[in-house]
């Protein structure tokens, strides 16, 4: 029997099923959806080939056509449920007004370092965010309807550590010293980062991402009271305002190294899901985190490099621990450059192979 025009219209208007997005909103899916942090990057030969044609990392990140291509590359190899925007957390301090460059073999450099310079000396250049929005629009137009598109930014504390030191730093001592010695000045830095990060993430949502991740890569270096002040409080403010503006967009919080402080982070920040690094016992996390809160993680990237039975056992332990909870399978941190591509194929097969 032919369908009525009204029924056809309803079917056409039905939203596409996005397993990853569904889990971030609190559903349990079997098998769990899968993506990998840094999945768009150096372990793929086509990424290395494309980057060689551009003027360094920033030349690639600020080229919407090239950055969109990098974002899409892993989806042509693997049955991932999510695409993660190709960009960098230091785009925000660049927009705040620090000079940014990536030095080969050494990493990022920001100047002037705020350990010695005044925040008021920086002249914002918010136009530096515009190419990233262009990347989002290009990727969105190319993604399948079933793939969740993830945007991201660095959380205020982690971004501040780079802005204060001018680079990555051992134990983030420069930022920690400033936070203890002059908390008023450090609070002003945090608030400026919050302000621009809010603009940046809102722009990503308006350009087309489905969900957001906040990377707090250096949260593990803080004492408990400092963690509450510089990780939990700024994240909670940022999440609250984002939810007012974009109530339909789930937010993943990834406080790497937080350990036992994850429970307070989950309870007080308002994030919709928690990313777990590889040092977190998944059995402990499942028992201690709020019931029903989606979790993401947490395979050791080095177990992925090992492959074989080591990888199989590690995957099984994580899947077993989170069998009754909304779970997004992921690594505990970014994929390593020397990861064999066939080990990623093995990972996908292990996660997707058997409903649990």
C-alpha atoms as a PDB file:
ATOM      1  CA  UNK A   1       0.000   0.000   0.000  1.00  0.00           C
ATOM      2  CA  UNK A   2       1.388   3.412  -0.910  1.00  0.00           C
ATOM      3  CA  UNK A   3       2.218   5.696   1.982  1.00  0.00           C
ATOM      4  CA  UNK A   4       0.352   8.934   2.415  1.00  0.00           C
ATOM      5  CA  UNK A   5       2.114  12.258   1.759  1.00  0.00           C
ATOM      6  CA  UNK A   6       1.765  13.057   5.466  1.00  0.00           C
ATOM      7  CA  UNK A   7       3.516   9.815   6.500  1.00  0.00           C
ATOM      8  CA  UNK A   8       6.278  10.336   3.960  1.00  0.00           C
ATOM      9  CA  UNK A   9       6.831  13.817   5.327  1.00  0.00           C
ATOM     10  CA  UNK A  10       7.128  12.522   8.895  1.00  0.00           C
ATOM     11  CA  UNK A  11       9.643   9.851   7.868  1.00  0.00           C
ATOM     12  CA  UNK A  12      11.728  12.398   5.977  1.00  0.00           C
ATOM     13  CA  UNK A  13      11.735  14.735   8.972  1.00  0.00           C
ATOM     14  CA  UNK A  14      12.759  12.049  11.503  1.00  0.00           C
ATOM     15  CA  UNK A  15      16.215  12.757  12.956  1.00  0.00           C
ATOM     16  CA  UNK A  16      19.022  10.397  11.961  1.00  0.00           C
ATOM     17  CA  UNK A  17      20.111   7.894  14.566  1.00  0.00           C
ATOM     18  CA  UNK A  18      23.485   8.934  15.960  1.00  0.00           C
ATOM     19  CA  UNK A  19      24.615   6.268  18.455  1.00  0.00           C
ATOM     20  CA  UNK A  20      27.348   8.408  20.010  1.00  0.00           C
ATOM     21  CA  UNK A  21      25.049  11.370  20.509  1.00  0.00           C
ATOM     22  CA  UNK A  22      22.398   9.083  22.008  1.00  0.00           C
ATOM     23  CA  UNK A  23      24.853   7.743  24.582  1.00  0.00           C
ATOM     24  CA  UNK A  24      25.999  11.233  25.544  1.00  0.00           C
ATOM     25  CA  UNK A  25      22.339  11.992  26.202  1.00  0.00           C
ATOM     26  CA  UNK A  26      22.073   9.040  28.581  1.00  0.00           C
ATOM     27  CA  UNK A  27      21.117   6.008  26.492  1.00  0.00           C
ATOM     28  CA  UNK A  28      22.874   2.664  26.697  1.00  0.00           C
ATOM     29  CA  UNK A  29      23.844   1.286  23.274  1.00  0.00           C
ATOM     30  CA  UNK A  30      25.227  -2.174  22.504  1.00  0.00           C
ATOM     31  CA  UNK A  31      27.842  -2.291  21.186  1.00  0.00           C
ATOM     32  CA  UNK A  32      29.015   1.048  22.557  1.00  0.00           C
ATOM     33  CA  UNK A  33      29.869   3.809  20.078  1.00  0.00           C
ATOM     34  CA  UNK A  34      33.549   4.419  19.436  1.00  0.00           C
ATOM     35  CA  UNK A  35      35.877   7.272  18.558  1.00  0.00           C
ATOM     36  CA  UNK A  36      39.479   8.056  19.503  1.00  0.00           C
ATOM     37  CA  UNK A  37      41.088  11.196  20.820  1.00  0.00           C
ATOM     38  CA  UNK A  38      43.545  12.553  18.209  1.00  0.00           C
ATOM     39  CA  UNK A  39      42.049  10.145  15.675  1.00  0.00           C
ATOM     40  CA  UNK A  40      42.720  12.803  13.017  1.00  0.00           C
ATOM     41  CA  UNK A  41      46.476  12.933  13.042  1.00  0.00           C
ATOM     42  CA  UNK A  42      49.994  11.652  12.675  1.00  0.00           C
ATOM     43  CA  UNK A  43      49.415   7.879  12.748  1.00  0.00           C
ATOM     44  CA  UNK A  44      47.724   8.180   9.318  1.00  0.00           C
ATOM     45  CA  UNK A  45      50.052   8.427   6.300  1.00  0.00           C
ATOM     46  CA  UNK A  46      47.628  10.647   4.396  1.00  0.00           C
ATOM     47  CA  UNK A  47      47.715  13.139   7.280  1.00  0.00           C
ATOM     48  CA  UNK A  48      51.500  13.269   7.171  1.00  0.00           C
ATOM     49  CA  UNK A  49      51.406  13.746   3.408  1.00  0.00           C
ATOM     50  CA  UNK A  50      48.925  16.617   3.650  1.00  0.00           C
ATOM     51  CA  UNK A  51      50.757  18.337   6.475  1.00  0.00           C
ATOM     52  CA  UNK A  52      53.965  18.279   4.448  1.00  0.00           C
ATOM     53  CA  UNK A  53      52.266  20.537   1.905  1.00  0.00           C
ATOM     54  CA  UNK A  54      51.405  23.203   4.483  1.00  0.00           C
ATOM     55  CA  UNK A  55      53.464  25.741   6.416  1.00  0.00           C
ATOM     56  CA  UNK A  56      53.589  23.985   9.780  1.00  0.00           C
ATOM     57  CA  UNK A  57      50.757  22.991  12.072  1.00  0.00           C
ATOM     58  CA  UNK A  58      49.040  26.380  12.121  1.00  0.00           C
ATOM     59  CA  UNK A  59      49.093  26.520   8.343  1.00  0.00           C
ATOM     60  CA  UNK A  60      47.081  23.323   8.401  1.00  0.00           C
ATOM     61  CA  UNK A  61      44.753  24.189  11.292  1.00  0.00           C
ATOM     62  CA  UNK A  62      43.845  27.599   9.838  1.00  0.00           C
ATOM     63  CA  UNK A  63      43.110  26.216   6.354  1.00  0.00           C
ATOM     64  CA  UNK A  64      39.424  25.151   6.490  1.00  0.00           C
ATOM     65  CA  UNK A  65      39.666  22.936   3.421  1.00  0.00           C
ATOM     66  CA  UNK A  66      42.751  21.097   4.664  1.00  0.00           C
ATOM     67  CA  UNK A  67      41.557  20.882   8.294  1.00  0.00           C
ATOM     68  CA  UNK A  68      38.230  19.475   7.133  1.00  0.00           C
ATOM     69  CA  UNK A  69      40.051  16.867   5.074  1.00  0.00           C
ATOM     70  CA  UNK A  70      42.132  15.862   8.116  1.00  0.00           C
ATOM     71  CA  UNK A  71      38.982  15.615  10.263  1.00  0.00           C
ATOM     72  CA  UNK A  72      37.376  13.275   7.728  1.00  0.00           C
ATOM     73  CA  UNK A  73      40.401  11.070   6.978  1.00  0.00           C
ATOM     74  CA  UNK A  74      40.000   8.536   9.828  1.00  0.00           C
ATOM     75  CA  UNK A  75      36.336   7.978   8.974  1.00  0.00           C
ATOM     76  CA  UNK A  76      37.412   6.585   5.598  1.00  0.00           C
ATOM     77  CA  UNK A  77      39.540   3.966   7.383  1.00  0.00           C
ATOM     78  CA  UNK A  78      37.490   2.959  10.402  1.00  0.00           C
ATOM     79  CA  UNK A  79      33.872   2.523  11.510  1.00  0.00           C
ATOM     80  CA  UNK A  80      34.023   5.332  14.040  1.00  0.00           C
ATOM     81  CA  UNK A  81      30.803   6.842  15.364  1.00  0.00           C
ATOM     82  CA  UNK A  82      32.285  10.305  15.892  1.00  0.00           C
ATOM     83  CA  UNK A  83      34.360  12.882  14.057  1.00  0.00           C
ATOM     84  CA  UNK A  84      36.503  15.187  16.197  1.00  0.00           C
ATOM     85  CA  UNK A  85      37.280  18.638  14.845  1.00  0.00           C
ATOM     86  CA  UNK A  86      40.908  19.042  13.782  1.00  0.00           C
ATOM     87  CA  UNK A  87      42.197  22.084  15.643  1.00  0.00           C
ATOM     88  CA  UNK A  88      44.175  22.827  18.807  1.00  0.00           C
ATOM     89  CA  UNK A  89      43.410  24.063  22.316  1.00  0.00           C
ATOM     90  CA  UNK A  90      45.869  26.939  21.838  1.00  0.00           C
ATOM     91  CA  UNK A  91      43.677  28.621  19.232  1.00  0.00           C
ATOM     92  CA  UNK A  92      42.006  30.358  22.212  1.00  0.00           C
ATOM     93  CA  UNK A  93      45.143  32.093  23.592  1.00  0.00           C
ATOM     94  CA  UNK A  94      46.017  33.010  20.014  1.00  0.00           C
ATOM     95  CA  UNK A  95      42.609  34.735  19.741  1.00  0.00           C
ATOM     96  CA  UNK A  96      43.153  36.380  23.140  1.00  0.00           C
ATOM     97  CA  UNK A  97      46.234  38.023  21.671  1.00  0.00           C
ATOM     98  CA  UNK A  98      49.313  35.944  22.390  1.00  0.00           C
ATOM     99  CA  UNK A  99      51.631  35.111  19.522  1.00  0.00           C
ATOM    100  CA  UNK A 100      51.533  31.374  18.781  1.00  0.00           C
ATOM    101  CA  UNK A 101      53.968  29.197  16.878  1.00  0.00           C
ATOM    102  CA  UNK A 102      54.764  25.492  16.853  1.00  0.00           C
ATOM    103  CA  UNK A 103      58.500  24.796  16.938  1.00  0.00           C
ATOM    104  CA  UNK A 104      59.532  21.560  15.233  1.00  0.00           C
ATOM    105  CA  UNK A 105      60.624  19.000  17.797  1.00  0.00           C
ATOM    106  CA  UNK A 106      59.787  21.275  20.728  1.00  0.00           C
ATOM    107  CA  UNK A 107      56.068  22.031  20.632  1.00  0.00           C
ATOM    108  CA  UNK A 108      54.029  25.220  21.025  1.00  0.00           C
ATOM    109  CA  UNK A 109      55.383  28.595  22.039  1.00  0.00           C
ATOM    110  CA  UNK A 110      53.206  31.488  23.243  1.00  0.00           C
ATOM    111  CA  UNK A 111      54.505  35.009  23.744  1.00  0.00           C
ATOM    112  CA  UNK A 112      54.612  37.038  25.807  1.00  0.00           C
ATOM    113  CA  UNK A 113      54.322  34.506  28.668  1.00  0.00           C
ATOM    114  CA  UNK A 114      51.893  35.828  31.269  1.00  0.00           C
ATOM    115  CA  UNK A 115      54.217  34.848  34.093  1.00  0.00           C
ATOM    116  CA  UNK A 116      55.957  38.148  33.314  1.00  0.00           C
ATOM    117  CA  UNK A 117      53.585  40.079  31.026  1.00  0.00           C
ATOM    118  CA  UNK A 118      50.258  41.759  31.748  1.00  0.00           C
ATOM    119  CA  UNK A 119      47.007  40.349  30.430  1.00  0.00           C
ATOM    120  CA  UNK A 120      46.001  43.937  29.605  1.00  0.00           C
ATOM    121  CA  UNK A 121      48.865  44.169  27.107  1.00  0.00           C
ATOM    122  CA  UNK A 122      47.221  41.552  24.869  1.00  0.00           C
ATOM    123  CA  UNK A 123      45.042  42.765  22.027  1.00  0.00           C
ATOM    124  CA  UNK A 124      42.263  40.262  21.197  1.00  0.00           C
ATOM    125  CA  UNK A 125      42.095  39.001  17.607  1.00  0.00           C
ATOM    126  CA  UNK A 126      38.834  37.066  17.621  1.00  0.00           C
ATOM    127  CA  UNK A 127      38.955  36.815  13.817  1.00  0.00           C
ATOM    128  CA  UNK A 128      41.464  34.006  14.383  1.00  0.00           C
ATOM    129  CA  UNK A 129      38.499  31.824  15.364  1.00  0.00           C
ATOM    130  CA  UNK A 130      36.747  32.268  12.015  1.00  0.00           C
ATOM    131  CA  UNK A 131      38.731  29.668  10.007  1.00  0.00           C
ATOM    132  CA  UNK A 132      37.807  27.037  12.590  1.00  0.00           C
ATOM    133  CA  UNK A 133      34.129  27.742  12.047  1.00  0.00           C
ATOM    134  CA  UNK A 134      34.788  27.356   8.332  1.00  0.00           C
ATOM    135  CA  UNK A 135      36.255  23.920   9.006  1.00  0.00           C
ATOM    136  CA  UNK A 136      33.178  22.945  11.016  1.00  0.00           C
ATOM    137  CA  UNK A 137      30.833  23.943   8.201  1.00  0.00           C
ATOM    138  CA  UNK A 138      32.819  21.968   5.633  1.00  0.00           C
ATOM    139  CA  UNK A 139      32.964  18.849   7.790  1.00  0.00           C
ATOM    140  CA  UNK A 140      29.284  19.047   8.684  1.00  0.00           C
ATOM    141  CA  UNK A 141      28.329  19.108   5.018  1.00  0.00           C
ATOM    142  CA  UNK A 142      30.415  15.987   4.333  1.00  0.00           C
ATOM    143  CA  UNK A 143      29.547  13.770   7.327  1.00  0.00           C
ATOM    144  CA  UNK A 144      27.125  10.883   7.191  1.00  0.00           C
ATOM    145  CA  UNK A 145      23.867  11.435   9.047  1.00  0.00           C
ATOM    146  CA  UNK A 146      24.821   8.744  11.593  1.00  0.00           C
ATOM    147  CA  UNK A 147      28.136  10.318  12.625  1.00  0.00           C
ATOM    148  CA  UNK A 148      28.294  12.595  15.665  1.00  0.00           C
ATOM    149  CA  UNK A 149      30.449  15.684  15.118  1.00  0.00           C
ATOM    150  CA  UNK A 150      32.445  16.703  18.203  1.00  0.00           C
ATOM    151  CA  UNK A 151      33.848  20.179  18.741  1.00  0.00           C
ATOM    152  CA  UNK A 152      36.210  21.003  21.563  1.00  0.00           C
ATOM    153  CA  UNK A 153      38.273  23.486  23.501  1.00  0.00           C
ATOM    154  CA  UNK A 154      40.788  23.372  26.299  1.00  0.00           C
ATOM    155  CA  UNK A 155      39.406  23.940  29.774  1.00  0.00           C
ATOM    156  CA  UNK A 156      40.447  27.232  31.410  1.00  0.00           C
ATOM    157  CA  UNK A 157      43.025  25.758  33.793  1.00  0.00           C
ATOM    158  CA  UNK A 158      44.906  23.825  31.114  1.00  0.00           C
ATOM    159  CA  UNK A 159      44.885  26.748  28.677  1.00  0.00           C
ATOM    160  CA  UNK A 160      46.128  29.045  31.469  1.00  0.00           C
ATOM    161  CA  UNK A 161      49.121  26.783  32.112  1.00  0.00           C
ATOM    162  CA  UNK A 162      50.337  27.394  28.556  1.00  0.00           C
ATOM    163  CA  UNK A 163      49.541  31.110  28.626  1.00  0.00           C
ATOM    164  CA  UNK A 164      51.472  31.672  31.856  1.00  0.00           C
ATOM    165  CA  UNK A 165      54.532  29.577  30.984  1.00  0.00           C
ATOM    166  CA  UNK A 166      54.524  30.341  27.272  1.00  0.00           C
ATOM    167  CA  UNK A 167      54.831  26.626  26.541  1.00  0.00           C
ATOM    168  CA  UNK A 168      54.133  23.231  27.997  1.00  0.00           C
ATOM    169  CA  UNK A 169      55.851  23.002  31.366  1.00  0.00           C
ATOM    170  CA  UNK A 170      56.961  20.374  33.817  1.00  0.00           C
ATOM    171  CA  UNK A 171      54.264  19.902  36.488  1.00  0.00           C
ATOM    172  CA  UNK A 172      52.730  23.231  35.368  1.00  0.00           C
ATOM    173  CA  UNK A 173      54.754  24.894  38.110  1.00  0.00           C
ATOM    174  CA  UNK A 174      54.666  28.423  36.623  1.00  0.00           C
ATOM    175  CA  UNK A 175      50.864  28.539  36.594  1.00  0.00           C
ATOM    176  CA  UNK A 176      50.593  26.912  40.006  1.00  0.00           C
ATOM    177  CA  UNK A 177      53.059  29.393  41.495  1.00  0.00           C
ATOM    178  CA  UNK A 178      51.153  32.351  40.056  1.00  0.00           C
ATOM    179  CA  UNK A 179      47.814  30.956  41.255  1.00  0.00           C
ATOM    180  CA  UNK A 180      49.159  30.721  44.818  1.00  0.00           C
ATOM    181  CA  UNK A 181      51.106  33.986  44.794  1.00  0.00           C
ATOM    182  CA  UNK A 182      48.541  36.224  43.069  1.00  0.00           C
ATOM    183  CA  UNK A 183      45.132  34.527  42.875  1.00  0.00           C
ATOM    184  CA  UNK A 184      43.420  37.782  41.838  1.00  0.00           C
ATOM    185  CA  UNK A 185      45.652  38.110  38.798  1.00  0.00           C
ATOM    186  CA  UNK A 186      45.316  34.430  37.992  1.00  0.00           C
ATOM    187  CA  UNK A 187      41.529  34.660  38.311  1.00  0.00           C
ATOM    188  CA  UNK A 188      41.553  37.442  35.695  1.00  0.00           C
ATOM    189  CA  UNK A 189      43.451  35.158  33.302  1.00  0.00           C
ATOM    190  CA  UNK A 190      40.972  32.338  33.911  1.00  0.00           C
ATOM    191  CA  UNK A 191      38.008  34.655  33.326  1.00  0.00           C
ATOM    192  CA  UNK A 192      39.450  35.948  30.042  1.00  0.00           C
ATOM    193  CA  UNK A 193      39.926  32.362  28.877  1.00  0.00           C
ATOM    194  CA  UNK A 194      36.348  31.523  29.887  1.00  0.00           C
ATOM    195  CA  UNK A 195      35.010  34.487  27.942  1.00  0.00           C
ATOM    196  CA  UNK A 196      36.781  33.626  24.688  1.00  0.00           C
ATOM    197  CA  UNK A 197      36.204  29.882  25.100  1.00  0.00           C
ATOM    198  CA  UNK A 198      32.479  30.515  25.439  1.00  0.00           C
ATOM    199  CA  UNK A 199      32.518  32.516  22.200  1.00  0.00           C
ATOM    200  CA  UNK A 200      34.600  29.834  20.510  1.00  0.00           C
ATOM    201  CA  UNK A 201      32.448  26.880  21.539  1.00  0.00           C
ATOM    202  CA  UNK A 202      29.212  28.706  20.778  1.00  0.00           C
ATOM    203  CA  UNK A 203      30.587  29.452  17.330  1.00  0.00           C
ATOM    204  CA  UNK A 204      31.364  25.774  16.801  1.00  0.00           C
ATOM    205  CA  UNK A 205      27.809  24.834  17.783  1.00  0.00           C
ATOM    206  CA  UNK A 206      26.318  27.449  15.478  1.00  0.00           C
ATOM    207  CA  UNK A 207      28.511  26.151  12.644  1.00  0.00           C
ATOM    208  CA  UNK A 208      27.302  22.586  13.113  1.00  0.00           C
ATOM    209  CA  UNK A 209      28.903  20.429  15.838  1.00  0.00           C
ATOM    210  CA  UNK A 210      26.631  18.010  17.731  1.00  0.00           C
ATOM    211  CA  UNK A 211      28.545  17.791  21.013  1.00  0.00           C
ATOM    212  CA  UNK A 212      31.504  19.391  22.790  1.00  0.00           C
ATOM    213  CA  UNK A 213      34.499  18.141  24.749  1.00  0.00           C
ATOM    214  CA  UNK A 214      36.454  20.165  27.292  1.00  0.00           C
ATOM    215  CA  UNK A 215      40.064  18.966  27.550  1.00  0.00           C
ATOM    216  CA  UNK A 216      41.627  19.597  30.965  1.00  0.00           C
ATOM    217  CA  UNK A 217      44.847  17.797  30.188  1.00  0.00           C
ATOM    218  CA  UNK A 218      46.789  19.127  33.195  1.00  0.00           C
ATOM    219  CA  UNK A 219      44.130  18.960  35.912  1.00  0.00           C
ATOM    220  CA  UNK A 220      46.066  16.212  37.663  1.00  0.00           C
ATOM    221  CA  UNK A 221      48.812  18.582  38.821  1.00  0.00           C
ATOM    222  CA  UNK A 222      46.584  20.465  41.279  1.00  0.00           C
ATOM    223  CA  UNK A 223      46.050  19.937  45.001  1.00  0.00           C
ATOM    224  CA  UNK A 224      42.402  19.282  45.969  1.00  0.00           C
ATOM    225  CA  UNK A 225      41.494  22.836  47.029  1.00  0.00           C
ATOM    226  CA  UNK A 226      43.203  24.276  43.939  1.00  0.00           C
ATOM    227  CA  UNK A 227      41.420  21.707  41.782  1.00  0.00           C
ATOM    228  CA  UNK A 228      38.097  22.944  43.116  1.00  0.00           C
ATOM    229  CA  UNK A 229      39.045  26.573  42.461  1.00  0.00           C
ATOM    230  CA  UNK A 230      40.760  26.334  39.057  1.00  0.00           C
ATOM    231  CA  UNK A 231      39.209  23.237  37.468  1.00  0.00           C
ATOM    232  CA  UNK A 232      35.751  22.655  38.916  1.00  0.00           C
ATOM    233  CA  UNK A 233      34.591  26.261  39.337  1.00  0.00           C
ATOM    234  CA  UNK A 234      35.589  27.604  35.888  1.00  0.00           C
ATOM    235  CA  UNK A 235      34.308  24.458  34.175  1.00  0.00           C
ATOM    236  CA  UNK A 236      30.989  24.729  36.006  1.00  0.00           C
ATOM    237  CA  UNK A 237      30.572  28.368  34.950  1.00  0.00           C
ATOM    238  CA  UNK A 238      31.402  27.566  31.354  1.00  0.00           C
ATOM    239  CA  UNK A 239      29.105  24.538  31.214  1.00  0.00           C
ATOM    240  CA  UNK A 240      26.237  26.448  32.826  1.00  0.00           C
ATOM    241  CA  UNK A 241      26.401  29.272  30.290  1.00  0.00           C
ATOM    242  CA  UNK A 242      26.802  26.897  27.348  1.00  0.00           C
ATOM    243  CA  UNK A 243      23.733  24.966  28.463  1.00  0.00           C
ATOM    244  CA  UNK A 244      21.723  28.169  28.680  1.00  0.00           C
ATOM    245  CA  UNK A 245      22.709  29.022  25.107  1.00  0.00           C
ATOM    246  CA  UNK A 246      22.663  25.511  23.641  1.00  0.00           C
ATOM    247  CA  UNK A 247      20.591  23.219  25.875  1.00  0.00           C
ATOM    248  CA  UNK A 248      20.534  20.422  23.284  1.00  0.00           C
ATOM    249  CA  UNK A 249      24.339  20.080  23.048  1.00  0.00           C
ATOM    250  CA  UNK A 250      25.947  17.459  25.340  1.00  0.00           C
ATOM    251  CA  UNK A 251      29.273  18.356  26.955  1.00  0.00           C
ATOM    252  CA  UNK A 252      32.001  15.847  27.799  1.00  0.00           C
ATOM    253  CA  UNK A 253      34.442  16.816  30.528  1.00  0.00           C
ATOM    254  CA  UNK A 254      37.897  15.232  30.364  1.00  0.00           C
ATOM    255  CA  UNK A 255      39.924  16.110  33.493  1.00  0.00           C
ATOM    256  CA  UNK A 256      43.020  14.023  32.853  1.00  0.00           C
ATOM    257  CA  UNK A 257      44.783  12.893  36.005  1.00  0.00           C
ATOM    258  CA  UNK A 258      41.934  13.873  38.325  1.00  0.00           C
ATOM    259  CA  UNK A 259      41.800  10.423  39.941  1.00  0.00           C
ATOM    260  CA  UNK A 260      39.640  10.421  43.060  1.00  0.00           C
ATOM    261  CA  UNK A 261      38.609  14.024  42.386  1.00  0.00           C
ATOM    262  CA  UNK A 262      36.524  12.756  39.444  1.00  0.00           C
ATOM    263  CA  UNK A 263      33.565  12.231  41.758  1.00  0.00           C
ATOM    264  CA  UNK A 264      33.435  15.891  42.779  1.00  0.00           C
ATOM    265  CA  UNK A 265      34.051  16.961  39.178  1.00  0.00           C
ATOM    266  CA  UNK A 266      31.091  14.863  38.009  1.00  0.00           C
ATOM    267  CA  UNK A 267      28.853  16.163  40.775  1.00  0.00           C
ATOM    268  CA  UNK A 268      29.705  19.866  40.572  1.00  0.00           C
ATOM    269  CA  UNK A 269      30.564  20.792  36.971  1.00  0.00           C
ATOM    270  CA  UNK A 270      27.299  19.852  35.278  1.00  0.00           C
ATOM    271  CA  UNK A 271      28.955  18.011  32.381  1.00  0.00           C
ATOM    272  CA  UNK A 272      26.837  15.400  30.599  1.00  0.00           C
ATOM    273  CA  UNK A 273      29.594  12.789  30.370  1.00  0.00           C
ATOM    274  CA  UNK A 274      32.993  12.125  31.936  1.00  0.00           C
ATOM    275  CA  UNK A 275      36.092  11.182  29.976  1.00  0.00           C
ATOM    276  CA  UNK A 276      38.383   8.836  31.894  1.00  0.00           C
ATOM    277  CA  UNK A 277      42.122   8.624  31.367  1.00  0.00           C
ATOM    278  CA  UNK A 278      43.940   5.290  31.291  1.00  0.00           C
ATOM    279  CA  UNK A 279      45.008   5.483  34.962  1.00  0.00           C
ATOM    280  CA  UNK A 280      41.401   5.266  36.205  1.00  0.00           C
ATOM    281  CA  UNK A 281      40.202   1.812  37.238  1.00  0.00           C
ATOM    282  CA  UNK A 282      36.977   1.334  35.246  1.00  0.00           C
ATOM    283  CA  UNK A 283      35.482  -0.880  37.962  1.00  0.00           C
ATOM    284  CA  UNK A 284      36.077   1.877  40.521  1.00  0.00           C
ATOM    285  CA  UNK A 285      34.683   4.539  38.194  1.00  0.00           C
ATOM    286  CA  UNK A 286      31.545   2.530  37.551  1.00  0.00           C
ATOM    287  CA  UNK A 287      30.913   2.111  41.267  1.00  0.00           C
ATOM    288  CA  UNK A 288      31.778   5.668  42.363  1.00  0.00           C
ATOM    289  CA  UNK A 289      30.436   7.940  39.613  1.00  0.00           C
ATOM    290  CA  UNK A 290      26.737   8.898  39.608  1.00  0.00           C
ATOM    291  CA  UNK A 291      24.452   6.135  38.392  1.00  0.00           C
ATOM    292  CA  UNK A 292      23.520   6.591  34.761  1.00  0.00           C
ATOM    293  CA  UNK A 293      26.166   9.246  34.036  1.00  0.00           C
ATOM    294  CA  UNK A 294      27.714   8.460  30.635  1.00  0.00           C
ATOM    295  CA  UNK A 295      31.430   7.696  30.701  1.00  0.00           C
ATOM    296  CA  UNK A 296      34.006   7.764  27.927  1.00  0.00           C
ATOM    297  CA  UNK A 297      37.240   5.833  27.733  1.00  0.00           C
ATOM    298  CA  UNK A 298      39.604   4.554  28.790  1.00  0.00           C
ATOM    299  CA  UNK A 299      41.944   2.257  26.881  1.00  0.00           C
ATOM    300  CA  UNK A 300      45.659   2.887  27.412  1.00  0.00           C
ATOM    301  CA  UNK A 301      47.043   4.142  24.059  1.00  0.00           C
ATOM    302  CA  UNK A 302      50.078   1.896  24.619  1.00  0.00           C
ATOM    303  CA  UNK A 303      47.833  -1.183  24.846  1.00  0.00           C
ATOM    304  CA  UNK A 304      46.579  -0.209  21.404  1.00  0.00           C
ATOM    305  CA  UNK A 305      50.155  -0.123  20.155  1.00  0.00           C
ATOM    306  CA  UNK A 306      50.774  -3.560  21.700  1.00  0.00           C
ATOM    307  CA  UNK A 307      47.754  -5.086  19.960  1.00  0.00           C
ATOM    308  CA  UNK A 308      47.003  -8.795  20.029  1.00  0.00           C
ATOM    309  CA  UNK A 309      45.989 -10.458  23.265  1.00  0.00           C
ATOM    310  CA  UNK A 310      47.103  -7.459  25.328  1.00  0.00           C
ATOM    311  CA  UNK A 311      44.637  -5.275  23.470  1.00  0.00           C
ATOM    312  CA  UNK A 312      41.888  -7.875  23.622  1.00  0.00           C
ATOM    313  CA  UNK A 313      42.173  -8.248  27.401  1.00  0.00           C
ATOM    314  CA  UNK A 314      42.245  -4.495  28.004  1.00  0.00           C
ATOM    315  CA  UNK A 315      39.182  -3.919  25.814  1.00  0.00           C
ATOM    316  CA  UNK A 316      37.242  -6.724  27.489  1.00  0.00           C
ATOM    317  CA  UNK A 317      37.955  -5.347  30.955  1.00  0.00           C
ATOM    318  CA  UNK A 318      36.608  -1.919  30.016  1.00  0.00           C
ATOM    319  CA  UNK A 319      33.546  -3.317  28.254  1.00  0.00           C
ATOM    320  CA  UNK A 320      32.765  -5.564  31.228  1.00  0.00           C
ATOM    321  CA  UNK A 321      33.157  -2.744  33.758  1.00  0.00           C
ATOM    322  CA  UNK A 322      30.732  -0.441  31.935  1.00  0.00           C
ATOM    323  CA  UNK A 323      28.293  -3.080  30.679  1.00  0.00           C
ATOM    324  CA  UNK A 324      25.380  -1.528  32.587  1.00  0.00           C
ATOM    325  CA  UNK A 325      26.132   2.155  31.985  1.00  0.00           C
ATOM    326  CA  UNK A 326      25.998   4.518  28.995  1.00  0.00           C
ATOM    327  CA  UNK A 327      29.509   4.170  27.603  1.00  0.00           C
ATOM    328  CA  UNK A 328      31.482   5.674  24.729  1.00  0.00           C
ATOM    329  CA  UNK A 329      34.551   3.587  23.993  1.00  0.00           C
ATOM    330  CA  UNK A 330      37.681   5.695  23.587  1.00  0.00           C
ATOM    331  CA  UNK A 331      41.311   5.880  24.556  1.00  0.00           C
ATOM    332  CA  UNK A 332      42.494   7.244  27.878  1.00  0.00           C
ATOM    333  CA  UNK A 333      44.393   9.942  25.984  1.00  0.00           C
ATOM    334  CA  UNK A 334      45.370  10.641  22.374  1.00  0.00           C
ATOM    335  CA  UNK A 335      46.446   7.959  19.937  1.00  0.00           C
ATOM    336  CA  UNK A 336      50.229   7.722  19.568  1.00  0.00           C
ATOM    337  CA  UNK A 337      52.010   8.525  16.320  1.00  0.00           C
ATOM    338  CA  UNK A 338      53.523   5.022  15.999  1.00  0.00           C
ATOM    339  CA  UNK A 339      50.228   3.148  16.385  1.00  0.00           C
ATOM    340  CA  UNK A 340      49.845   0.453  13.690  1.00  0.00           C
ATOM    341  CA  UNK A 341      46.730   0.997  11.615  1.00  0.00           C
ATOM    342  CA  UNK A 342      45.864  -2.706  11.750  1.00  0.00           C
ATOM    343  CA  UNK A 343      45.706  -2.453  15.554  1.00  0.00           C
ATOM    344  CA  UNK A 344      43.029   0.219  15.203  1.00  0.00           C
ATOM    345  CA  UNK A 345      41.164  -2.213  12.925  1.00  0.00           C
ATOM    346  CA  UNK A 346      41.487  -4.824  15.674  1.00  0.00           C
ATOM    347  CA  UNK A 347      40.144  -2.372  18.242  1.00  0.00           C
ATOM    348  CA  UNK A 348      37.090  -1.562  16.120  1.00  0.00           C
ATOM    349  CA  UNK A 349      36.391  -5.274  15.623  1.00  0.00           C
ATOM    350  CA  UNK A 350      36.707  -5.989  19.336  1.00  0.00           C
ATOM    351  CA  UNK A 351      34.361  -3.168  20.365  1.00  0.00           C
ATOM    352  CA  UNK A 352      31.831  -3.607  17.580  1.00  0.00           C
ATOM    353  CA  UNK A 353      31.947  -7.365  17.247  1.00  0.00           C
ATOM    354  CA  UNK A 354      29.817  -8.692  20.074  1.00  0.00           C
ATOM    355  CA  UNK A 355      26.708  -7.034  21.587  1.00  0.00           C
ATOM    356  CA  UNK A 356      26.900  -7.030  25.371  1.00  0.00           C
END
